[in-house]
Each structure stands twice: as C-alpha cells, then as structure tokens.
C-alpha atoms as a PDB file:
ATOM      1  CA  MET A   1     -11.443  10.654  -6.886  1.00  0.00           C
ATOM      2  CA  LEU A   2     -13.146  13.330  -8.998  1.00  0.00           C
ATOM      3  CA  TRP A   3     -15.663  10.705 -10.108  1.00  0.00           C
ATOM      4  CA  VAL A   4     -16.553   9.919  -6.495  1.00  0.00           C
ATOM      5  CA  MET A   5     -16.772  13.560  -5.448  1.00  0.00           C
ATOM      6  CA  SER A   6     -19.001  14.343  -8.432  1.00  0.00           C
ATOM      7  CA  HIS A   7     -21.311  11.485  -7.433  1.00  0.00           C
ATOM      8  CA  ILE A   8     -21.525  12.448  -3.770  1.00  0.00           C
ATOM      9  CA  THR A   9     -24.134  15.017  -4.810  1.00  0.00           C
ATOM     10  CA  LEU A  10     -26.318  12.087  -5.889  1.00  0.00           C
ATOM     11  CA  LEU A  11     -26.260  10.480  -2.445  1.00  0.00           C
ATOM     12  CA  PRO A  12     -29.548  11.993  -1.175  1.00  0.00           C
ATOM     13  CA  SER A  13     -31.373  10.446  -4.126  1.00  0.00           C
ATOM     14  CA  LEU A  14     -29.659   7.144  -3.378  1.00  0.00           C
ATOM     15  CA  GLY A  15     -31.040   7.100   0.153  1.00  0.00           C
ATOM     16  CA  LEU A  16     -28.160   8.585   2.172  1.00  0.00           C
ATOM     17  CA  HIS A  17     -30.616   9.726   4.813  1.00  0.00           C
ATOM     18  CA  ASP A  18     -32.672   6.541   4.683  1.00  0.00           C
ATOM     19  CA  GLN A  19     -33.413   5.425   8.239  1.00  0.00           C
ATOM     20  CA  SER A  20     -34.187   1.856   7.191  1.00  0.00           C
ATOM     21  CA  PRO A  21     -33.027  -0.771   9.700  1.00  0.00           C
ATOM     22  CA  ARG A  22     -30.931  -2.226   6.871  1.00  0.00           C
ATOM     23  CA  ILE A  23     -28.781   0.903   6.925  1.00  0.00           C
ATOM     24  CA  ASN A  24     -26.092   0.456   9.577  1.00  0.00           C
ATOM     25  CA  VAL A  25     -23.475   3.014   8.452  1.00  0.00           C
ATOM     26  CA  ALA A  26     -23.711   6.699   9.396  1.00  0.00           C
ATOM     27  CA  ASP A  27     -23.829   9.388   6.695  1.00  0.00           C
ATOM     28  CA  LYS A  28     -20.323  10.732   7.315  1.00  0.00           C
ATOM     29  CA  GLU A  29     -18.913   7.208   7.347  1.00  0.00           C
ATOM     30  CA  ARG A  30     -20.566   6.556   3.979  1.00  0.00           C
ATOM     31  CA  ILE A  31     -18.923   9.630   2.475  1.00  0.00           C
ATOM     32  CA  ALA A  32     -15.572   8.671   4.005  1.00  0.00           C
ATOM     33  CA  SER A  33     -15.970   5.149   2.605  1.00  0.00           C
ATOM     34  CA  LEU A  34     -16.595   6.528  -0.879  1.00  0.00           C
ATOM     35  CA  ALA A  35     -13.569   8.811  -0.732  1.00  0.00           C
ATOM     36  CA  GLY A  36     -11.332   6.136   0.818  1.00  0.00           C
ATOM     37  CA  GLY A  37     -12.489   3.451  -1.625  1.00  0.00           C
ATOM     38  CA  ALA A  38     -11.813   5.665  -4.623  1.00  0.00           C
ATOM     39  CA  ALA A  39      -8.373   6.561  -3.230  1.00  0.00           C
ATOM     40  CA  MET A  40      -7.500   2.875  -2.831  1.00  0.00           C
ATOM     41  CA  VAL A  41      -8.591   2.028  -6.379  1.00  0.00           C
ATOM     42  CA  ILE A  42      -6.639   4.953  -7.849  1.00  0.00           C
ATOM     43  CA  TYR A  43      -3.589   4.134  -5.707  1.00  0.00           C
ATOM     44  CA  GLY A  44      -3.646   0.545  -6.934  1.00  0.00           C
ATOM     45  CA  LEU A  45      -3.968   1.574 -10.576  1.00  0.00           C
ATOM     46  CA  VAL A  46      -1.091   4.033 -10.316  1.00  0.00           C
ATOM     47  CA  ARG A  47       1.269   1.656  -8.470  1.00  0.00           C
ATOM     48  CA  ARG A  48       0.497  -1.358 -10.697  1.00  0.00           C
ATOM     49  CA  SER A  49       1.974  -3.756  -8.155  1.00  0.00           C
ATOM     50  CA  ARG A  50       1.000  -7.184  -6.850  1.00  0.00           C
ATOM     51  CA  MET A  51      -1.211  -5.422  -4.331  1.00  0.00           C
ATOM     52  CA  SER A  52      -3.202  -3.640  -7.058  1.00  0.00           C
ATOM     53  CA  PRO A  53      -5.923  -6.330  -7.319  1.00  0.00           C
ATOM     54  CA  VAL A  54      -6.268  -6.417  -3.522  1.00  0.00           C
ATOM     55  CA  LEU A  55      -6.528  -2.636  -3.345  1.00  0.00           C
ATOM     56  CA  ALA A  56      -9.107  -2.662  -6.137  1.00  0.00           C
ATOM     57  CA  VAL A  57     -11.251  -5.215  -4.296  1.00  0.00           C
ATOM     58  CA  LEU A  58     -10.987  -3.402  -0.949  1.00  0.00           C
ATOM     59  CA  GLY A  59     -11.669  -0.083  -2.643  1.00  0.00           C
ATOM     60  CA  GLY A  60     -14.710  -1.542  -4.375  1.00  0.00           C
ATOM     61  CA  LEU A  61     -16.040  -2.871  -1.071  1.00  0.00           C
ATOM     62  CA  LEU A  62     -15.634   0.560   0.521  1.00  0.00           C
ATOM     63  CA  ILE A  63     -17.398   2.248  -2.400  1.00  0.00           C
ATOM     64  CA  ARG A  64     -20.242  -0.262  -2.149  1.00  0.00           C
ATOM     65  CA  ARG A  65     -20.383   0.348   1.615  1.00  0.00           C
ATOM     66  CA  GLY A  66     -20.691   4.072   0.982  1.00  0.00           C
ATOM     67  CA  PHE A  67     -23.422   3.814  -1.624  1.00  0.00           C
ATOM     68  CA  THR A  68     -25.550   1.210   0.134  1.00  0.00           C
ATOM     69  CA  GLY A  69     -24.958   2.276   3.743  1.00  0.00           C
ATOM     70  CA  ARG A  70     -24.701  -1.394   4.664  1.00  0.00           C
ATOM     71  CA  CYS A  71     -21.678  -2.994   6.295  1.00  0.00           C
ATOM     72  CA  PRO A  72     -21.708  -6.815   6.587  1.00  0.00           C
ATOM     73  CA  ALA A  73     -18.998  -6.683   9.271  1.00  0.00           C
ATOM     74  CA  PHE A  74     -21.132  -4.336  11.385  1.00  0.00           C
ATOM     75  CA  ARG A  75     -24.189  -6.562  10.848  1.00  0.00           C
ATOM     76  CA  GLY A  76     -22.248  -9.646  11.926  1.00  0.00           C
ATOM     77  CA  MET A  77     -21.188  -7.911  15.151  1.00  0.00           C
ATOM     78  CA  GLY A  78     -24.610  -6.413  15.758  1.00  0.00           C
ATOM     79  CA  LEU A  79     -23.251  -2.877  15.391  1.00  0.00           C
ATOM     80  CA  SER A  80     -24.691   0.221  13.767  1.00  0.00           C
ATOM     81  CA  THR A  81     -23.419   3.782  13.518  1.00  0.00           C
ATOM     82  CA  ALA A  82     -26.495   4.993  11.642  1.00  0.00           C
ATOM     83  CA  GLN A  83     -28.187   5.852  14.923  1.00  0.00           C
ATOM     84  CA  PRO A  84     -27.067   8.802  17.066  1.00  0.00           C
ATOM     85  CA  LYS A  85     -24.144   7.901  19.316  1.00  0.00           C
ATOM     86  CA  SER A  86     -24.966   7.775  23.004  1.00  0.00           C
ATOM     87  CA  ASP A  87     -21.647   6.573  24.403  1.00  0.00           C
ATOM     88  CA  THR A  88     -18.823   8.684  25.753  1.00  0.00           C
ATOM     89  CA  GLY A  89     -15.214   7.911  24.955  1.00  0.00           C
ATOM     90  CA  VAL A  90     -14.348   4.600  23.246  1.00  0.00           C
ATOM     91  CA  PRO A  91     -16.195   1.388  24.193  1.00  0.00           C
ATOM     92  CA  ASP A  92     -14.064  -1.401  25.662  1.00  0.00           C
ATOM     93  CA  GLY A  93     -12.505  -3.523  22.957  1.00  0.00           C
ATOM     94  CA  ALA A  94     -13.269  -1.047  20.157  1.00  0.00           C
ATOM     95  CA  GLY A  95     -11.086   1.244  18.090  1.00  0.00           C
ATOM     96  CA  TYR A  96      -7.338   1.701  18.164  1.00  0.00           C
ATOM     97  CA  ARG A  97      -4.834   2.310  20.942  1.00  0.00           C
ATOM     98  CA  VAL A  98      -1.661   4.324  20.450  1.00  0.00           C
ATOM     99  CA  GLU A  99       1.076   4.950  23.036  1.00  0.00           C
ATOM    100  CA  LYS A 100       4.041   7.304  22.645  1.00  0.00           C
ATOM    101  CA  ALA A 101       6.398   9.134  25.001  1.00  0.00           C
ATOM    102  CA  ILE A 102       9.048  11.834  24.818  1.00  0.00           C
ATOM    103  CA  THR A 103      11.376  13.731  27.147  1.00  0.00           C
ATOM    104  CA  ILE A 104      11.384  17.537  27.014  1.00  0.00           C
ATOM    105  CA  ASP A 105      14.090  19.759  28.462  1.00  0.00           C
ATOM    106  CA  ARG A 106      11.683  21.982  30.339  1.00  0.00           C
ATOM    107  CA  PRO A 107      10.226  21.916  33.900  1.00  0.00           C
ATOM    108  CA  VAL A 108       7.059  19.917  34.350  1.00  0.00           C
ATOM    109  CA  SER A 109       4.942  22.957  35.256  1.00  0.00           C
ATOM    110  CA  ARG A 110       5.843  24.635  31.948  1.00  0.00           C
ATOM    111  CA  VAL A 111       5.057  21.541  29.904  1.00  0.00           C
ATOM    112  CA  PHE A 112       1.808  20.775  31.736  1.00  0.00           C
ATOM    113  CA  GLN A 113       0.455  24.319  31.571  1.00  0.00           C
ATOM    114  CA  TYR A 114       1.083  24.652  27.872  1.00  0.00           C
ATOM    115  CA  TRP A 115      -0.705  21.383  27.084  1.00  0.00           C
ATOM    116  CA  ARG A 116      -3.516  22.140  29.528  1.00  0.00           C
ATOM    117  CA  ASP A 117      -4.478  25.185  27.468  1.00  0.00           C
ATOM    118  CA  LEU A 118      -6.114  22.962  24.860  1.00  0.00           C
ATOM    119  CA  GLU A 119      -6.314  25.770  22.319  1.00  0.00           C
ATOM    120  CA  ASN A 120      -2.517  25.444  22.030  1.00  0.00           C
ATOM    121  CA  LEU A 121      -2.718  21.890  20.684  1.00  0.00           C
ATOM    122  CA  PRO A 122      -3.134  22.814  16.974  1.00  0.00           C
ATOM    123  CA  HIS A 123       0.227  24.627  17.171  1.00  0.00           C
ATOM    124  CA  PHE A 124       2.010  21.264  17.210  1.00  0.00           C
ATOM    125  CA  MET A 125      -0.771  18.977  15.942  1.00  0.00           C
ATOM    126  CA  PRO A 126      -1.327  20.217  12.362  1.00  0.00           C
ATOM    127  CA  HIS A 127      -4.162  17.757  11.691  1.00  0.00           C
ATOM    128  CA  LEU A 128      -6.205  19.691  14.271  1.00  0.00           C
ATOM    129  CA  LYS A 129      -7.957  22.623  12.647  1.00  0.00           C
ATOM    130  CA  SER A 130      -8.980  24.103  15.979  1.00  0.00           C
ATOM    131  CA  VAL A 131      -9.773  23.379  19.623  1.00  0.00           C
ATOM    132  CA  LYS A 132     -12.150  25.789  21.290  1.00  0.00           C
ATOM    133  CA  VAL A 133     -12.345  25.781  25.084  1.00  0.00           C
ATOM    134  CA  LEU A 134     -15.994  25.993  26.182  1.00  0.00           C
ATOM    135  CA  SER A 135     -15.464  25.764  29.945  1.00  0.00           C
ATOM    136  CA  ASP A 136     -12.943  24.482  32.454  1.00  0.00           C
ATOM    137  CA  ARG A 137     -13.835  20.905  31.482  1.00  0.00           C
ATOM    138  CA  LEU A 138     -15.463  21.090  28.030  1.00  0.00           C
ATOM    139  CA  SER A 139     -13.955  21.798  24.622  1.00  0.00           C
ATOM    140  CA  HIS A 140     -14.946  21.606  20.939  1.00  0.00           C
ATOM    141  CA  TRP A 141     -12.538  19.949  18.470  1.00  0.00           C
ATOM    142  CA  THR A 142     -12.393  20.277  14.676  1.00  0.00           C
ATOM    143  CA  VAL A 143     -10.229  18.110  12.401  1.00  0.00           C
ATOM    144  CA  GLU A 144      -9.900  18.256   8.621  1.00  0.00           C
ATOM    145  CA  GLY A 145     -11.126  14.892   7.334  1.00  0.00           C
ATOM    146  CA  PRO A 146     -11.034  13.408   3.811  1.00  0.00           C
ATOM    147  CA  ALA A 147     -14.642  14.448   3.202  1.00  0.00           C
ATOM    148  CA  GLY A 148     -14.624  17.737   5.117  1.00  0.00           C
ATOM    149  CA  PRO A 149     -14.336  18.862   8.744  1.00  0.00           C
ATOM    150  CA  VAL A 150     -14.996  16.318  11.496  1.00  0.00           C
ATOM    151  CA  GLU A 151     -16.082  17.759  14.847  1.00  0.00           C
ATOM    152  CA  TRP A 152     -16.812  16.628  18.376  1.00  0.00           C
ATOM    153  CA  ASP A 153     -17.075  17.811  21.957  1.00  0.00           C
ATOM    154  CA  ALA A 154     -14.763  16.451  24.641  1.00  0.00           C
ATOM    155  CA  GLU A 155     -14.651  16.545  28.412  1.00  0.00           C
ATOM    156  CA  ILE A 156     -11.694  16.426  30.804  1.00  0.00           C
ATOM    157  CA  ILE A 157     -12.623  13.612  33.190  1.00  0.00           C
ATOM    158  CA  ASN A 158      -9.503  13.531  35.365  1.00  0.00           C
ATOM    159  CA  GLU A 159      -6.807  16.052  36.145  1.00  0.00           C
ATOM    160  CA  HIS A 160      -3.912  16.343  38.548  1.00  0.00           C
ATOM    161  CA  PRO A 161      -1.883  19.563  38.184  1.00  0.00           C
ATOM    162  CA  ASP A 162       1.602  18.995  36.740  1.00  0.00           C
ATOM    163  CA  SER A 163       0.875  15.276  36.575  1.00  0.00           C
ATOM    164  CA  LEU A 164      -2.085  14.069  34.478  1.00  0.00           C
ATOM    165  CA  ILE A 165      -4.829  15.092  32.041  1.00  0.00           C
ATOM    166  CA  ALA A 166      -7.466  12.583  30.898  1.00  0.00           C
ATOM    167  CA  TRP A 167     -10.350  13.251  28.514  1.00  0.00           C
ATOM    168  CA  GLN A 168     -13.051  11.551  26.482  1.00  0.00           C
ATOM    169  CA  THR A 169     -15.510  12.545  23.782  1.00  0.00           C
ATOM    170  CA  LEU A 170     -19.134  13.252  24.601  1.00  0.00           C
ATOM    171  CA  PRO A 171     -22.203  11.512  23.092  1.00  0.00           C
ATOM    172  CA  GLY A 172     -22.809  12.381  19.450  1.00  0.00           C
ATOM    173  CA  ALA A 173     -19.106  12.756  18.564  1.00  0.00           C
ATOM    174  CA  ASP A 174     -18.127  12.116  14.926  1.00  0.00           C
ATOM    175  CA  VAL A 175     -14.987  10.444  16.259  1.00  0.00           C
ATOM    176  CA  GLN A 176     -15.107   8.571  19.545  1.00  0.00           C
ATOM    177  CA  SER A 177     -11.836   9.113  21.381  1.00  0.00           C
ATOM    178  CA  ALA A 178     -10.282   9.098  24.817  1.00  0.00           C
ATOM    179  CA  GLY A 179      -6.798   9.769  26.047  1.00  0.00           C
ATOM    180  CA  THR A 180      -4.446  10.325  28.923  1.00  0.00           C
ATOM    181  CA  VAL A 181      -1.299  12.455  29.108  1.00  0.00           C
ATOM    182  CA  ARG A 182       1.087  11.960  32.036  1.00  0.00           C
ATOM    183  CA  PHE A 183       3.808  14.409  33.022  1.00  0.00           C
ATOM    184  CA  GLU A 184       6.731  13.226  35.148  1.00  0.00           C
ATOM    185  CA  PRO A 185       9.566  15.502  36.363  1.00  0.00           C
ATOM    186  CA  ILE A 186      13.058  14.070  35.953  1.00  0.00           C
ATOM    187  CA  ASP A 187      16.601  15.287  36.606  1.00  0.00           C
ATOM    188  CA  GLY A 188      15.497  17.520  39.472  1.00  0.00           C
ATOM    189  CA  ASP A 189      12.567  18.910  37.468  1.00  0.00           C
ATOM    190  CA  HIS A 190      14.854  20.284  34.760  1.00  0.00           C
ATOM    191  CA  ARG A 191      13.264  17.876  32.282  1.00  0.00           C
ATOM    192  CA  THR A 192       9.824  16.327  31.825  1.00  0.00           C
ATOM    193  CA  HIS A 193       8.861  12.859  30.616  1.00  0.00           C
ATOM    194  CA  VAL A 194       5.570  13.090  28.687  1.00  0.00           C
ATOM    195  CA  SER A 195       3.653   9.890  27.909  1.00  0.00           C
ATOM    196  CA  VAL A 196       0.459   9.788  25.865  1.00  0.00           C
ATOM    197  CA  VAL A 197      -2.103   6.990  25.566  1.00  0.00           C
ATOM    198  CA  LEU A 198      -4.729   7.608  22.890  1.00  0.00           C
ATOM    199  CA  LYS A 199      -7.751   5.495  21.941  1.00  0.00           C
ATOM    200  CA  PHE A 200     -10.041   6.366  19.045  1.00  0.00           C
ATOM    201  CA  ASN A 201     -12.631   5.088  16.595  1.00  0.00           C
ATOM    202  CA  PRO A 202     -12.130   6.689  13.136  1.00  0.00           C
ATOM    203  CA  PRO A 203     -15.253   7.801  11.222  1.00  0.00           C
ATOM    204  CA  ALA A 204     -15.113   4.805   8.880  1.00  0.00           C
ATOM    205  CA  GLY A 205     -14.689   2.276  11.687  1.00  0.00           C
ATOM    206  CA  ALA A 206     -12.287  -0.632  11.288  1.00  0.00           C
ATOM    207  CA  LEU A 207     -12.154  -0.300   7.500  1.00  0.00           C
ATOM    208  CA  GLY A 208     -11.128   3.319   7.922  1.00  0.00           C
ATOM    209  CA  GLY A 209      -8.113   2.159   9.900  1.00  0.00           C
ATOM    210  CA  VAL A 210      -7.129  -0.224   7.100  1.00  0.00           C
ATOM    211  CA  VAL A 211      -7.355   2.577   4.540  1.00  0.00           C
ATOM    212  CA  ALA A 212      -5.256   4.881   6.730  1.00  0.00           C
ATOM    213  CA  ARG A 213      -2.496   2.306   7.102  1.00  0.00           C
ATOM    214  CA  ILE A 214      -2.384   1.504   3.380  1.00  0.00           C
ATOM    215  CA  LEU A 215      -2.173   5.183   2.453  1.00  0.00           C
ATOM    216  CA  GLY A 216       0.617   5.745   4.975  1.00  0.00           C
ATOM    217  CA  GLU A 217      -1.313   7.788   7.529  1.00  0.00           C
ATOM    218  CA  SER A 218      -0.198   5.925  10.652  1.00  0.00           C
ATOM    219  CA  PRO A 219      -1.810   7.214  13.862  1.00  0.00           C
ATOM    220  CA  ALA A 220       1.252   6.081  15.849  1.00  0.00           C
ATOM    221  CA  GLN A 221       3.624   7.892  13.506  1.00  0.00           C
ATOM    222  CA  GLN A 222       1.411  10.967  13.544  1.00  0.00           C
ATOM    223  CA  LEU A 223       1.407  11.081  17.351  1.00  0.00           C
ATOM    224  CA  GLU A 224       5.183  10.586  17.427  1.00  0.00           C
ATOM    225  CA  GLU A 225       5.642  13.511  15.025  1.00  0.00           C
ATOM    226  CA  ASP A 226       3.245  15.664  17.058  1.00  0.00           C
ATOM    227  CA  LEU A 227       5.260  15.030  20.216  1.00  0.00           C
ATOM    228  CA  GLY A 228       8.453  15.819  18.335  1.00  0.00           C
ATOM    229  CA  ARG A 229       7.031  19.194  17.311  1.00  0.00           C
ATOM    230  CA  PHE A 230       5.887  19.777  20.890  1.00  0.00           C
ATOM    231  CA  LYS A 231       9.426  19.157  22.135  1.00  0.00           C
ATOM    232  CA  ILE A 232      10.979  21.493  19.549  1.00  0.00           C
ATOM    233  CA  LEU A 233       8.403  24.197  20.271  1.00  0.00           C
ATOM    234  CA  LEU A 234       9.029  24.248  24.014  1.00  0.00           C
ATOM    235  CA  GLU A 235      12.778  23.732  23.978  1.00  0.00           C
ATOM    236  CA  ALA A 236      13.358  26.412  21.335  1.00  0.00           C
ATOM    237  CA  GLU A 237      11.397  28.942  23.415  1.00  0.00           C
ATOM    238  CA  THR A 238       9.661  30.149  20.282  1.00  0.00           C
ATOM    239  CA  ILE A 239       6.248  30.460  21.922  1.00  0.00           C
ATOM    240  CA  PRO A 240       4.866  33.971  21.284  1.00  0.00           C
ATOM    241  CA  GLU A 241       3.469  35.814  24.301  1.00  0.00           C
ATOM    242  CA  SER A 242      -0.024  35.463  22.833  1.00  0.00           C
ATOM    243  CA  MET A 243       0.377  31.666  23.048  1.00  0.00           C
ATOM    244  CA  SER A 244       1.860  31.506  26.521  1.00  0.00           C
ATOM    245  CA  VAL A 245      -0.043  30.182  29.501  1.00  0.00           C
ATOM    246  CA  VAL A 246      -0.292  32.186  32.704  1.00  0.00           C
END
C-alpha cells in the first residue's frame, strides 16, 4: 500500500490527466484502482490461501487499470468515465441496488422529520463525513474514500411528508446514486416501518464493487448497520437538542 501511495505522486508524469480517447477511466477511479489493487495483492499475500493467486491477478489488473487509465471492460461496453458526467442519478441497468428495512418504536412524524434534516444523517451513517443542506431540495455530500474525500451534490426529487423521500445525484457527481426512503406508521402510529432502496455506482465502477466485497465492505451490511444505529438513536431518546428537528 505504501508503495502505491508513494507512486501516486508520479501519476501526472504518467499521463493521469491525458485526455486521449484511449483513456476511458476518470482520474479518481484510477487512484481508487491503484489503492484497491494494492490492497488486494497485500491481502492475498498475508492470507496465503487458495484465493491468493486470484487476488494477485485481480489486484494486478486494477493496478494496471489505474496506471494506464484504460479499462477493457468499459471499452467493450462503449463506456467511459474520463469525460465529465452529465447524467443524474444512476442509469438504468448500471450500478448496485440495495434494499433494507427496519421498524422503529417512534411515531412516523418523529422518524421522518429526523431523516428529512439531511445534516443528521452522519450521526448514524459513520461513512458520511458530512451532508450540507444548500436549499430545500439541494445538498452537498462528502464521504471518506480509500484515496481521499469523495463528494457530490444531490437533489430531492420527490417528497411526501411523513411518507417518502426520494433523491438522486446531480451531473458531475463522483458517485452516481439515487435512493428512496419510505415511512409507514404501524400499531396506531406508535411505531414506524422504514424501508430504504439505494442504487449507486462506486467510483471504481464494477471492479470497485468486487474489491469492496472481497475486503468485507458490503453495501447491504453497511446499510443494515446504519439503520440499526438509526433505530437505537431514536428509541434511546439520546438526540441532543442541537440535533433535534423542529
């Protein structure tokens, strides 16, 4: 890993910002590929299992992808992330879809209002560094990634008070994502059923998802843990007044 990080400084001289048509991987994806590839190689060497050769090959492919900026899989599908993104949300058929649900022993209005204040989200989603509300519909998100902060702007595209919040990323986002949270009162509105559907494209594309699964960073498990923290936070009534929603 130290070897890769020490060589990242050489990337400009290796053509990181080359706009050649042959380059079809964005700069941040190239850095993520280098870091992820090195992690896979090191992981395989440390574990010394039957998977070690496979991890070494996959890690080598990621490192090559990072240095060259060329992804054969992208070329075969006619894709390129080297150009500025112009799409909102996640294109049909792309990325990953995660669904999780939980029941919280609090009225639906309480649960909805706390989530609707998006700046509260990092309190139970530790992978979020910050969410800054820019307007009633727009917000700026920052996540700590393997090669530094990853940021994007998002827009709420659908909202029904005490019932639904839907959002998607705006053009130019480092991570294309979209999601919907539904809130359903149950047991006479003494409890709330919260269901989340999340779609996203990680910075390193499909290969990034493979790396995440191998290293144990499951998006589904992460979302499940986030919802568990959300439930504990609300049910324990440990929300400071400064975090409460009017």
